Amino acid sequence: MEPPSLKKLNSELNPAQPQGEPTLRQLHSIKAQLDLVLLALEALTGLGSDAMLAAADALGVSDLLSDRVNLWRLRQASPLRKGQGRKKLDVDEARALVLVSCHLAANHRDPIRQAVARLEQALAQGQPPHRAAQLGDYLDAFSNAYQDRMEGDQTATTDELTALGLKLLVDLLFYSGAGGSRKLWLALLDRTEK
């Protein structure tokens, strides 16, 4: 039987719509996108696997995200990861990661909002975002984690990683609000179509 929170997410997504169930090709891309969202959350907030597992427990999806090894294997499923491919990600696991990501984003909405406000301020003043204290720390942590963990694009420039990190930061603001799980799930499906 589905955990209540997955049942709720499934009903929100309305499987009768074409976007309800992802194809195998879409799941491959979803794995990468979810891992990047979690990587951005880690870089901004400093949270780790314990927080992710506690969120899974609070959301009633701990049967899908049961321990650190299981979580690590799910994240290693990302095609961008070094040594990827150790675990396939199924639809319920993807949805559980969506719930956990949005729950954590909601719990850290204030630092996310502050970082986005600093980004807007830096852009309005024509200053590089990495010079704002909180943004600089976030971008450094994100770039370092990306380069340490991701194999897919070791040639990514600092500017490309900065752009990716900032885009994910803004995305986190949307995922931290009302309906965040639905927004993230639909965004994941939409990105796999492109």
Protein backbone atom coordinates (compact mmCIF):
# COMPACT_ATOMS: atom_id res chain seq x y z
CA MET A 1 0.00 0.00 0.00
CA GLU A 2 1.21 3.52 -0.85
CA PRO A 3 2.24 5.81 2.00
CA PRO A 4 -0.37 8.57 2.52
CA SER A 5 1.93 11.34 1.29
CA LEU A 6 2.73 9.48 -1.96
CA LYS A 7 -0.98 8.82 -2.44
CA LYS A 8 -1.61 12.54 -2.02
CA LEU A 9 1.14 13.42 -4.50
CA ASN A 10 -0.18 10.86 -6.99
CA SER A 11 -3.67 12.29 -6.72
CA GLU A 12 -2.35 15.83 -7.17
CA LEU A 13 -0.55 14.80 -10.32
CA ASN A 14 -3.64 13.16 -11.84
CA PRO A 15 -2.17 10.12 -13.64
CA ALA A 16 -4.87 10.48 -16.30
CA GLN A 17 -2.90 13.42 -17.65
CA PRO A 18 -0.04 12.61 -20.05
CA GLN A 19 2.43 14.09 -17.53
CA GLY A 20 1.31 11.74 -14.72
CA GLU A 21 3.65 8.79 -15.28
CA PRO A 22 7.16 9.29 -16.61
CA THR A 23 8.69 7.09 -19.29
CA LEU A 24 11.99 5.27 -18.73
CA ARG A 25 13.82 7.99 -20.69
CA GLN A 26 12.24 10.65 -18.51
CA LEU A 27 13.19 8.80 -15.33
CA HIS A 28 16.85 8.90 -16.42
CA SER A 29 16.73 12.71 -16.61
CA ILE A 30 14.60 13.01 -13.46
CA LYS A 31 17.34 11.21 -11.51
CA ALA A 32 19.86 13.85 -12.53
CA GLN A 33 17.52 16.79 -11.85
CA LEU A 34 16.49 15.54 -8.40
CA ASP A 35 20.09 15.00 -7.41
CA LEU A 36 20.93 18.57 -8.48
CA VAL A 37 18.03 19.98 -6.44
CA LEU A 38 19.27 18.09 -3.37
CA LEU A 39 22.83 19.21 -4.09
CA ALA A 40 21.68 22.86 -4.14
CA LEU A 41 19.81 22.38 -0.86
CA GLU A 42 22.90 20.84 0.72
CA ALA A 43 25.12 23.65 -0.53
CA LEU A 44 22.83 26.39 0.77
CA THR A 45 21.74 24.92 4.10
CA GLY A 46 24.50 22.48 5.00
CA LEU A 47 21.96 19.72 5.55
CA GLY A 48 22.99 16.13 4.99
CA SER A 49 21.64 12.63 4.74
CA ASP A 50 20.37 12.65 8.36
CA ALA A 51 18.03 15.55 7.57
CA MET A 52 16.86 13.83 4.40
CA LEU A 53 16.13 10.60 6.25
CA ALA A 54 14.34 12.47 9.05
CA ALA A 55 12.20 14.22 6.41
CA ALA A 56 11.42 10.86 4.79
CA ASP A 57 10.35 9.52 8.17
CA ALA A 58 8.18 12.57 8.89
CA LEU A 59 6.54 12.25 5.46
CA GLY A 60 5.86 8.53 5.80
CA VAL A 61 8.16 7.49 2.96
CA SER A 62 10.92 5.93 5.05
CA ASP A 63 10.16 2.54 3.48
CA LEU A 64 11.50 4.03 0.21
CA LEU A 65 14.32 6.04 1.84
CA SER A 66 15.22 3.77 4.71
CA ASP A 67 18.86 4.51 5.53
CA ARG A 68 22.01 6.32 4.40
CA VAL A 69 23.10 3.51 2.10
CA ASN A 70 19.70 3.40 0.40
CA LEU A 71 19.68 7.20 0.00
CA TRP A 72 23.24 7.15 -1.36
CA ARG A 73 22.30 4.47 -3.90
CA LEU A 74 19.28 6.46 -5.04
CA ARG A 75 21.39 9.58 -5.50
CA GLN A 76 24.08 7.55 -7.27
CA ALA A 77 21.41 6.65 -9.82
CA SER A 78 21.93 10.11 -11.34
CA PRO A 79 23.56 9.80 -14.76
CA LEU A 80 25.77 12.76 -13.83
CA ARG A 81 27.31 11.05 -10.79
CA LYS A 82 30.73 9.48 -10.63
CA GLY A 83 30.19 5.74 -10.45
CA GLN A 84 26.52 6.17 -11.36
CA GLY A 85 24.22 3.35 -12.23
CA ARG A 86 24.39 1.37 -9.01
CA LYS A 87 20.64 1.68 -8.38
CA LYS A 88 17.74 2.23 -10.67
CA LEU A 89 15.20 4.80 -9.59
CA ASP A 90 11.54 3.85 -9.85
CA VAL A 91 8.59 6.23 -9.96
CA ASP A 92 7.72 5.91 -6.25
CA GLU A 93 11.33 6.55 -5.24
CA ALA A 94 11.43 9.61 -7.49
CA ARG A 95 8.21 10.90 -5.97
CA ALA A 96 9.55 10.26 -2.46
CA LEU A 97 12.65 12.31 -3.29
CA VAL A 98 10.38 15.08 -4.61
CA LEU A 99 8.47 15.10 -1.31
CA VAL A 100 11.67 15.12 0.75
CA SER A 101 13.23 17.88 -1.37
CA CYS A 102 10.19 20.14 -1.08
CA HIS A 103 9.74 19.42 2.63
CA LEU A 104 13.36 20.40 3.29
CA ALA A 105 13.05 23.46 1.05
CA ALA A 106 9.93 24.53 2.97
CA ASN A 107 11.77 24.05 6.28
CA HIS A 108 14.61 26.25 4.98
CA ARG A 109 12.45 28.80 3.18
CA ASP A 110 13.92 31.77 5.07
CA PRO A 111 17.56 31.20 4.03
CA ILE A 112 16.40 30.40 0.49
CA ARG A 113 14.36 33.61 0.37
CA GLN A 114 17.28 35.64 1.80
CA ALA A 115 19.67 34.22 -0.78
CA VAL A 116 17.27 34.99 -3.65
CA ALA A 117 16.77 38.53 -2.28
CA ARG A 118 20.56 38.99 -2.22
CA LEU A 119 20.73 37.70 -5.79
CA GLU A 120 18.09 40.20 -6.91
CA GLN A 121 19.91 43.00 -5.10
CA ALA A 122 23.27 42.08 -6.65
CA LEU A 123 21.75 41.93 -10.14
CA ALA A 124 19.95 45.26 -9.64
CA GLN A 125 23.25 46.87 -8.61
CA GLY A 126 25.14 45.25 -11.49
CA GLN A 127 27.43 43.34 -9.14
CA PRO A 128 28.58 39.74 -9.53
CA PRO A 129 26.42 37.47 -7.31
CA HIS A 130 29.43 35.63 -5.88
CA ARG A 131 30.49 38.84 -4.09
CA ALA A 132 27.42 38.78 -1.83
CA ALA A 133 28.48 36.89 1.31
CA GLN A 134 25.72 34.27 1.49
CA LEU A 135 25.63 33.78 -2.28
CA GLY A 136 29.40 33.48 -2.52
CA ASP A 137 29.42 30.78 0.15
CA TYR A 138 26.55 28.95 -1.53
CA LEU A 139 28.12 29.13 -5.00
CA ASP A 140 31.48 27.90 -3.67
CA ALA A 141 29.84 25.00 -1.83
CA PHE A 142 27.69 24.13 -4.85
CA SER A 143 30.61 24.26 -7.32
CA ASN A 144 32.87 22.22 -5.05
CA ALA A 145 30.22 19.56 -4.44
CA TYR A 146 29.35 19.41 -8.14
CA GLN A 147 32.99 18.96 -9.16
CA ASP A 148 33.60 16.38 -6.43
CA ARG A 149 30.54 14.26 -7.15
CA MET A 150 29.61 14.70 -10.78
CA GLU A 151 31.41 12.99 -13.58
CA GLY A 152 29.16 13.99 -16.46
CA ASP A 153 30.70 17.39 -17.14
CA GLN A 154 34.15 17.93 -15.68
CA THR A 155 34.74 20.66 -18.26
CA ALA A 156 32.01 22.89 -16.82
CA THR A 157 33.31 26.41 -16.39
CA THR A 158 32.93 28.48 -13.26
CA ASP A 159 30.38 30.65 -15.08
CA GLU A 160 28.34 27.60 -16.10
CA LEU A 161 28.34 26.20 -12.57
CA THR A 162 27.41 29.63 -11.19
CA ALA A 163 24.49 29.89 -13.64
CA LEU A 164 23.32 26.37 -12.73
CA GLY A 165 23.64 27.05 -9.01
CA LEU A 166 21.70 30.31 -9.25
CA LYS A 167 18.95 28.74 -11.35
CA LEU A 168 18.57 25.95 -8.80
CA LEU A 169 18.49 28.51 -5.99
CA VAL A 170 15.58 30.36 -7.61
CA ASP A 171 13.86 27.02 -8.31
CA LEU A 172 14.19 26.12 -4.62
CA LEU A 173 12.20 29.22 -3.71
CA PHE A 174 9.28 27.97 -5.82
CA TYR A 175 9.55 24.43 -4.45
CA SER A 176 9.55 25.72 -0.86
CA GLY A 177 6.09 27.27 -1.17
CA ALA A 178 2.55 25.95 -1.40
CA GLY A 179 2.20 23.20 -3.97
CA GLY A 180 5.98 22.83 -4.16
CA SER A 181 5.86 19.05 -4.68
CA ARG A 182 3.54 19.40 -7.65
CA LYS A 183 5.64 22.24 -9.11
CA LEU A 184 8.84 20.22 -8.80
CA TRP A 185 7.30 17.05 -10.26
CA LEU A 186 5.84 18.92 -13.24
CA ALA A 187 9.12 20.81 -13.75
CA LEU A 188 11.02 17.52 -13.77
CA LEU A 189 8.68 16.08 -16.38
CA ASP A 190 8.79 19.26 -18.44
CA ARG A 191 12.60 19.35 -18.46
CA THR A 192 12.76 15.77 -19.70
CA GLU A 193 10.72 16.73 -22.76
CA LYS A 194 13.34 19.23 -23.95
